[in-house]
Amino acid sequence: MGQVVVLGEPVRVMGYALAGVLTIEAEGQDVARAWASLPSDTSLVVLTPAAARALGEAVLAERGDALIVTMPP
């Protein structure tokens, strides 16, 4: 089974670590670097709205091997 990753601002992602999810805290330009370093076995990525905006639709479309969802605002 693949890895579940939650990516975005620290205040929005830190609680997911309690459920055993890999959390990656990143804001602004750091989001793109964090996205590029996702584990290769990632099967689900949950993005905060700000992280999704920082990446843009084109970047998100490039990764076809994982389900990508955005948290509600």
PDB file of N, CA and C in Angstrom:
ATOM      1  N   MET A   1       0.850  -1.182   0.000  1.00  0.00           N
ATOM      2  CA  MET A   1       0.000   0.000   0.000  1.00  0.00           C
ATOM      3  C   MET A   1       0.886   1.232   0.000  1.00  0.00           C
ATOM      4  N   GLY A   2       0.443   2.268  -0.693  1.00  0.00           N
ATOM      5  CA  GLY A   2       1.235   3.475  -0.826  1.00  0.00           C
ATOM      6  C   GLY A   2       1.127   4.408   0.361  1.00  0.00           C
ATOM      7  N   GLN A   3       1.959   5.404   0.308  1.00  0.00           N
ATOM      8  CA  GLN A   3       2.073   6.419   1.362  1.00  0.00           C
ATOM      9  C   GLN A   3       0.983   7.477   1.204  1.00  0.00           C
ATOM     10  N   VAL A   4       0.457   7.939   2.328  1.00  0.00           N
ATOM     11  CA  VAL A   4      -0.471   9.077   2.354  1.00  0.00           C
ATOM     12  C   VAL A   4       0.306  10.284   2.856  1.00  0.00           C
ATOM     13  N   VAL A   5       0.216  11.390   2.125  1.00  0.00           N
ATOM     14  CA  VAL A   5       0.965  12.601   2.460  1.00  0.00           C
ATOM     15  C   VAL A   5       0.001  13.776   2.554  1.00  0.00           C
ATOM     16  N   VAL A   6       0.180  14.590   3.576  1.00  0.00           N
ATOM     17  CA  VAL A   6      -0.556  15.849   3.696  1.00  0.00           C
ATOM     18  C   VAL A   6       0.475  16.971   3.603  1.00  0.00           C
ATOM     19  N   LEU A   7       0.257  17.893   2.680  1.00  0.00           N
ATOM     20  CA  LEU A   7       1.231  18.938   2.377  1.00  0.00           C
ATOM     21  C   LEU A   7       0.596  20.312   2.492  1.00  0.00           C
ATOM     22  N   GLY A   8       1.251  21.208   3.243  1.00  0.00           N
ATOM     23  CA  GLY A   8       0.763  22.578   3.352  1.00  0.00           C
ATOM     24  C   GLY A   8       1.251  23.275   4.598  1.00  0.00           C
ATOM     25  N   GLU A   9       0.525  24.301   5.004  1.00  0.00           N
ATOM     26  CA  GLU A   9       0.930  25.128   6.138  1.00  0.00           C
ATOM     27  C   GLU A   9       0.917  24.302   7.432  1.00  0.00           C
ATOM     28  N   PRO A  10       1.903  24.536   8.281  1.00  0.00           N
ATOM     29  CA  PRO A  10       2.030  23.749   9.515  1.00  0.00           C
ATOM     30  C   PRO A  10       0.756  23.668  10.344  1.00  0.00           C
ATOM     31  N   VAL A  11       0.067  24.767  10.529  1.00  0.00           N
ATOM     32  CA  VAL A  11      -1.129  24.772  11.379  1.00  0.00           C
ATOM     33  C   VAL A  11      -2.242  23.906  10.798  1.00  0.00           C
ATOM     34  N   ARG A  12      -2.259  23.710   9.486  1.00  0.00           N
ATOM     35  CA  ARG A  12      -3.313  22.924   8.841  1.00  0.00           C
ATOM     36  C   ARG A  12      -2.952  21.450   8.702  1.00  0.00           C
ATOM     37  N   VAL A  13      -1.656  21.092   8.762  1.00  0.00           N
ATOM     38  CA  VAL A  13      -1.279  19.700   8.511  1.00  0.00           C
ATOM     39  C   VAL A  13      -0.824  18.930   9.754  1.00  0.00           C
ATOM     40  N   MET A  14      -0.417  19.616  10.799  1.00  0.00           N
ATOM     41  CA  MET A  14       0.221  18.929  11.925  1.00  0.00           C
ATOM     42  C   MET A  14      -0.655  17.877  12.594  1.00  0.00           C
ATOM     43  N   GLY A  15      -1.943  18.066  12.658  1.00  0.00           N
ATOM     44  CA  GLY A  15      -2.820  17.109  13.308  1.00  0.00           C
ATOM     45  C   GLY A  15      -2.882  15.761  12.609  1.00  0.00           C
ATOM     46  N   TYR A  16      -2.627  15.739  11.318  1.00  0.00           N
ATOM     47  CA  TYR A  16      -2.684  14.491  10.565  1.00  0.00           C
ATOM     48  C   TYR A  16      -1.579  13.521  10.974  1.00  0.00           C
ATOM     49  N   ALA A  17      -0.513  14.027  11.532  1.00  0.00           N
ATOM     50  CA  ALA A  17       0.579  13.155  11.990  1.00  0.00           C
ATOM     51  C   ALA A  17       0.098  12.215  13.090  1.00  0.00           C
ATOM     52  N   LEU A  18      -0.898  12.637  13.852  1.00  0.00           N
ATOM     53  CA  LEU A  18      -1.450  11.797  14.908  1.00  0.00           C
ATOM     54  C   LEU A  18      -2.089  10.529  14.345  1.00  0.00           C
ATOM     55  N   ALA A  19      -2.509  10.577  13.091  1.00  0.00           N
ATOM     56  CA  ALA A  19      -3.121   9.423  12.435  1.00  0.00           C
ATOM     57  C   ALA A  19      -2.094   8.598  11.676  1.00  0.00           C
ATOM     58  N   GLY A  20      -0.823   8.940  11.804  1.00  0.00           N
ATOM     59  CA  GLY A  20       0.230   8.187  11.134  1.00  0.00           C
ATOM     60  C   GLY A  20       0.509   8.603   9.707  1.00  0.00           C
ATOM     61  N   VAL A  21      -0.026   9.744   9.321  1.00  0.00           N
ATOM     62  CA  VAL A  21       0.173  10.260   7.968  1.00  0.00           C
ATOM     63  C   VAL A  21       1.484  11.039   7.910  1.00  0.00           C
ATOM     64  N   LEU A  22       2.174  10.922   6.793  1.00  0.00           N
ATOM     65  CA  LEU A  22       3.373  11.735   6.589  1.00  0.00           C
ATOM     66  C   LEU A  22       2.930  13.165   6.325  1.00  0.00           C
ATOM     67  N   THR A  23       3.333  14.089   7.164  1.00  0.00           N
ATOM     68  CA  THR A  23       2.992  15.492   6.965  1.00  0.00           C
ATOM     69  C   THR A  23       4.233  16.246   6.514  1.00  0.00           C
ATOM     70  N   ILE A  24       4.046  17.088   5.526  1.00  0.00           N
ATOM     71  CA  ILE A  24       5.135  17.917   5.014  1.00  0.00           C
ATOM     72  C   ILE A  24       4.681  19.361   5.145  1.00  0.00           C
ATOM     73  N   GLU A  25       5.357  20.086   6.016  1.00  0.00           N
ATOM     74  CA  GLU A  25       5.012  21.475   6.265  1.00  0.00           C
ATOM     75  C   GLU A  25       5.764  22.368   5.288  1.00  0.00           C
ATOM     76  N   ALA A  26       5.007  23.116   4.484  1.00  0.00           N
ATOM     77  CA  ALA A  26       5.631  23.998   3.492  1.00  0.00           C
ATOM     78  C   ALA A  26       4.662  25.123   3.151  1.00  0.00           C
ATOM     79  N   GLU A  27       5.232  26.281   2.898  1.00  0.00           N
ATOM     80  CA  GLU A  27       4.446  27.449   2.499  1.00  0.00           C
ATOM     81  C   GLU A  27       5.171  28.170   1.374  1.00  0.00           C
ATOM     82  N   GLY A  28       4.400  28.904   0.565  1.00  0.00           N
ATOM     83  CA  GLY A  28       4.991  29.723  -0.499  1.00  0.00           C
ATOM     84  C   GLY A  28       5.809  28.907  -1.477  1.00  0.00           C
ATOM     85  N   GLN A  29       7.023  29.379  -1.744  1.00  0.00           N
ATOM     86  CA  GLN A  29       7.889  28.720  -2.721  1.00  0.00           C
ATOM     87  C   GLN A  29       8.388  27.359  -2.252  1.00  0.00           C
ATOM     88  N   ASP A  30       8.349  27.115  -0.965  1.00  0.00           N
ATOM     89  CA  ASP A  30       8.785  25.818  -0.442  1.00  0.00           C
ATOM     90  C   ASP A  30       7.839  24.689  -0.836  1.00  0.00           C
ATOM     91  N   VAL A  31       6.621  25.017  -1.222  1.00  0.00           N
ATOM     92  CA  VAL A  31       5.651  23.989  -1.602  1.00  0.00           C
ATOM     93  C   VAL A  31       6.142  23.226  -2.832  1.00  0.00           C
ATOM     94  N   ALA A  32       6.658  23.922  -3.816  1.00  0.00           N
ATOM     95  CA  ALA A  32       7.145  23.264  -5.031  1.00  0.00           C
ATOM     96  C   ALA A  32       8.307  22.329  -4.728  1.00  0.00           C
ATOM     97  N   ARG A  33       9.205  22.746  -3.851  1.00  0.00           N
ATOM     98  CA  ARG A  33      10.327  21.881  -3.474  1.00  0.00           C
ATOM     99  C   ARG A  33       9.829  20.644  -2.735  1.00  0.00           C
ATOM    100  N   ALA A  34       8.868  20.846  -1.848  1.00  0.00           N
ATOM    101  CA  ALA A  34       8.301  19.720  -1.102  1.00  0.00           C
ATOM    102  C   ALA A  34       7.588  18.754  -2.055  1.00  0.00           C
ATOM    103  N   TRP A  35       6.867  19.295  -3.012  1.00  0.00           N
ATOM    104  CA  TRP A  35       6.159  18.480  -4.000  1.00  0.00           C
ATOM    105  C   TRP A  35       7.142  17.615  -4.788  1.00  0.00           C
ATOM    106  N   ALA A  36       8.245  18.203  -5.180  1.00  0.00           N
ATOM    107  CA  ALA A  36       9.250  17.475  -5.957  1.00  0.00           C
ATOM    108  C   ALA A  36       9.910  16.366  -5.147  1.00  0.00           C
ATOM    109  N   SER A  37       9.866  16.469  -3.835  1.00  0.00           N
ATOM    110  CA  SER A  37      10.531  15.468  -2.998  1.00  0.00           C
ATOM    111  C   SER A  37       9.566  14.463  -2.363  1.00  0.00           C
ATOM    112  N   LEU A  38       8.337  14.382  -2.874  1.00  0.00           N
ATOM    113  CA  LEU A  38       7.397  13.398  -2.341  1.00  0.00           C
ATOM    114  C   LEU A  38       7.958  11.991  -2.489  1.00  0.00           C
ATOM    115  N   PRO A  39       7.716  11.118  -1.527  1.00  0.00           N
ATOM    116  CA  PRO A  39       8.196   9.736  -1.652  1.00  0.00           C
ATOM    117  C   PRO A  39       7.642   9.080  -2.923  1.00  0.00           C
ATOM    118  N   SER A  40       8.418   8.209  -3.513  1.00  0.00           N
ATOM    119  CA  SER A  40       8.003   7.572  -4.771  1.00  0.00           C
ATOM    120  C   SER A  40       6.802   6.655  -4.601  1.00  0.00           C
ATOM    121  N   ASP A  41       6.561   6.179  -3.380  1.00  0.00           N
ATOM    122  CA  ASP A  41       5.421   5.285  -3.152  1.00  0.00           C
ATOM    123  C   ASP A  41       4.161   6.026  -2.691  1.00  0.00           C
ATOM    124  N   THR A  42       4.103   7.334  -2.919  1.00  0.00           N
ATOM    125  CA  THR A  42       2.944   8.134  -2.521  1.00  0.00           C
ATOM    126  C   THR A  42       1.743   7.769  -3.384  1.00  0.00           C
ATOM    127  N   SER A  43       0.623   7.433  -2.732  1.00  0.00           N
ATOM    128  CA  SER A  43      -0.587   7.098  -3.486  1.00  0.00           C
ATOM    129  C   SER A  43      -1.707   8.116  -3.265  1.00  0.00           C
ATOM    130  N   LEU A  44      -1.625   8.899  -2.186  1.00  0.00           N
ATOM    131  CA  LEU A  44      -2.631   9.924  -1.902  1.00  0.00           C
ATOM    132  C   LEU A  44      -1.937  11.160  -1.356  1.00  0.00           C
ATOM    133  N   VAL A  45      -2.242  12.306  -1.959  1.00  0.00           N
ATOM    134  CA  VAL A  45      -1.712  13.583  -1.482  1.00  0.00           C
ATOM    135  C   VAL A  45      -2.893  14.482  -1.140  1.00  0.00           C
ATOM    136  N   VAL A  46      -2.910  14.966   0.095  1.00  0.00           N
ATOM    137  CA  VAL A  46      -3.916  15.924   0.534  1.00  0.00           C
ATOM    138  C   VAL A  46      -3.218  17.276   0.643  1.00  0.00           C
ATOM    139  N   LEU A  47      -3.709  18.248  -0.096  1.00  0.00           N
ATOM    140  CA  LEU A  47      -3.116  19.585  -0.120  1.00  0.00           C
ATOM    141  C   LEU A  47      -4.015  20.577   0.609  1.00  0.00           C
ATOM    142  N   THR A  48      -3.397  21.532   1.280  1.00  0.00           N
ATOM    143  CA  THR A  48      -4.175  22.652   1.791  1.00  0.00           C
ATOM    144  C   THR A  48      -4.526  23.535   0.586  1.00  0.00           C
ATOM    145  N   PRO A  49      -5.553  24.368   0.695  1.00  0.00           N
ATOM    146  CA  PRO A  49      -5.892  25.243  -0.431  1.00  0.00           C
ATOM    147  C   PRO A  49      -4.718  26.123  -0.874  1.00  0.00           C
ATOM    148  N   ALA A  50      -3.956  26.633   0.083  1.00  0.00           N
ATOM    149  CA  ALA A  50      -2.806  27.489  -0.269  1.00  0.00           C
ATOM    150  C   ALA A  50      -1.733  26.696  -1.013  1.00  0.00           C
ATOM    151  N   ALA A  51      -1.502  25.464  -0.603  1.00  0.00           N
ATOM    152  CA  ALA A  51      -0.508  24.631  -1.282  1.00  0.00           C
ATOM    153  C   ALA A  51      -0.962  24.311  -2.702  1.00  0.00           C
ATOM    154  N   ALA A  52      -2.242  24.020  -2.874  1.00  0.00           N
ATOM    155  CA  ALA A  52      -2.774  23.737  -4.210  1.00  0.00           C
ATOM    156  C   ALA A  52      -2.619  24.949  -5.119  1.00  0.00           C
ATOM    157  N   ARG A  53      -2.900  26.138  -4.591  1.00  0.00           N
ATOM    158  CA  ARG A  53      -2.733  27.368  -5.391  1.00  0.00           C
ATOM    159  C   ARG A  53      -1.265  27.582  -5.748  1.00  0.00           C
ATOM    160  N   ALA A  54      -0.374  27.315  -4.790  1.00  0.00           N
ATOM    161  CA  ALA A  54       1.057  27.517  -5.043  1.00  0.00           C
ATOM    162  C   ALA A  54       1.570  26.587  -6.138  1.00  0.00           C
ATOM    163  N   LEU A  55       1.018  25.385  -6.208  1.00  0.00           N
ATOM    164  CA  LEU A  55       1.471  24.429  -7.219  1.00  0.00           C
ATOM    165  C   LEU A  55       0.850  24.693  -8.578  1.00  0.00           C
ATOM    166  N   GLY A  56      -0.413  25.036  -8.607  1.00  0.00           N
ATOM    167  CA  GLY A  56      -1.098  25.286  -9.870  1.00  0.00           C
ATOM    168  C   GLY A  56      -1.566  23.987 -10.519  1.00  0.00           C
ATOM    169  N   GLU A  57      -2.530  24.118 -11.396  1.00  0.00           N
ATOM    170  CA  GLU A  57      -3.144  22.962 -12.063  1.00  0.00           C
ATOM    171  C   GLU A  57      -2.156  22.178 -12.922  1.00  0.00           C
ATOM    172  N   ALA A  58      -1.260  22.858 -13.621  1.00  0.00           N
ATOM    173  CA  ALA A  58      -0.335  22.175 -14.519  1.00  0.00           C
ATOM    174  C   ALA A  58       0.574  21.215 -13.758  1.00  0.00           C
ATOM    175  N   VAL A  59       1.076  21.652 -12.629  1.00  0.00           N
ATOM    176  CA  VAL A  59       1.971  20.799 -11.830  1.00  0.00           C
ATOM    177  C   VAL A  59       1.204  19.601 -11.290  1.00  0.00           C
ATOM    178  N   LEU A  60      -0.007  19.831 -10.817  1.00  0.00           N
ATOM    179  CA  LEU A  60      -0.813  18.751 -10.261  1.00  0.00           C
ATOM    180  C   LEU A  60      -1.138  17.703 -11.320  1.00  0.00           C
ATOM    181  N   ALA A  61      -1.362  18.122 -12.542  1.00  0.00           N
ATOM    182  CA  ALA A  61      -1.708  17.195 -13.621  1.00  0.00           C
ATOM    183  C   ALA A  61      -0.543  16.295 -14.013  1.00  0.00           C
ATOM    184  N   GLU A  62       0.682  16.712 -13.712  1.00  0.00           N
ATOM    185  CA  GLU A  62       1.857  15.929 -14.084  1.00  0.00           C
ATOM    186  C   GLU A  62       1.960  14.617 -13.310  1.00  0.00           C
ATOM    187  N   ARG A  63       1.392  14.572 -12.126  1.00  0.00           N
ATOM    188  CA  ARG A  63       1.538  13.383 -11.282  1.00  0.00           C
ATOM    189  C   ARG A  63       0.309  12.498 -11.429  1.00  0.00           C
ATOM    190  N   GLY A  64       0.377  11.525 -12.316  1.00  0.00           N
ATOM    191  CA  GLY A  64      -0.755  10.641 -12.567  1.00  0.00           C
ATOM    192  C   GLY A  64      -0.763   9.386 -11.726  1.00  0.00           C
ATOM    193  N   ASP A  65       0.271   9.190 -10.920  1.00  0.00           N
ATOM    194  CA  ASP A  65       0.374   7.956 -10.137  1.00  0.00           C
ATOM    195  C   ASP A  65      -0.212   8.084  -8.737  1.00  0.00           C
ATOM    196  N   ALA A  66      -0.787   9.228  -8.403  1.00  0.00           N
ATOM    197  CA  ALA A  66      -1.339   9.435  -7.072  1.00  0.00           C
ATOM    198  C   ALA A  66      -2.659  10.189  -7.153  1.00  0.00           C
ATOM    199  N   LEU A  67      -3.540   9.900  -6.220  1.00  0.00           N
ATOM    200  CA  LEU A  67      -4.780  10.653  -6.092  1.00  0.00           C
ATOM    201  C   LEU A  67      -4.442  11.939  -5.337  1.00  0.00           C
ATOM    202  N   ILE A  68      -4.868  13.066  -5.871  1.00  0.00           N
ATOM    203  CA  ILE A  68      -4.564  14.362  -5.275  1.00  0.00           C
ATOM    204  C   ILE A  68      -5.873  15.060  -4.941  1.00  0.00           C
ATOM    205  N   VAL A  69      -6.015  15.455  -3.687  1.00  0.00           N
ATOM    206  CA  VAL A  69      -7.215  16.152  -3.243  1.00  0.00           C
ATOM    207  C   VAL A  69      -6.812  17.429  -2.506  1.00  0.00           C
ATOM    208  N   THR A  70      -7.732  18.380  -2.497  1.00  0.00           N
ATOM    209  CA  THR A  70      -7.506  19.636  -1.789  1.00  0.00           C
ATOM    210  C   THR A  70      -8.515  19.754  -0.646  1.00  0.00           C
ATOM    211  N   MET A  71      -8.010  20.128   0.535  1.00  0.00           N
ATOM    212  CA  MET A  71      -8.876  20.341   1.691  1.00  0.00           C
ATOM    213  C   MET A  71      -9.845  21.475   1.395  1.00  0.00           C
ATOM    214  N   PRO A  72     -11.005  21.441   2.010  1.00  0.00           N
ATOM    215  CA  PRO A  72     -11.886  22.602   1.901  1.00  0.00           C
ATOM    216  C   PRO A  72     -11.273  23.792   2.627  1.00  0.00           C
ATOM    217  N   PRO A  73     -11.643  25.005   2.233  1.00  0.00           N
ATOM    218  CA  PRO A  73     -11.078  26.192   2.901  1.00  0.00           C
ATOM    219  C   PRO A  73     -11.422  26.265   4.377  1.00  0.00           C
TER     220      PRO A  73
END
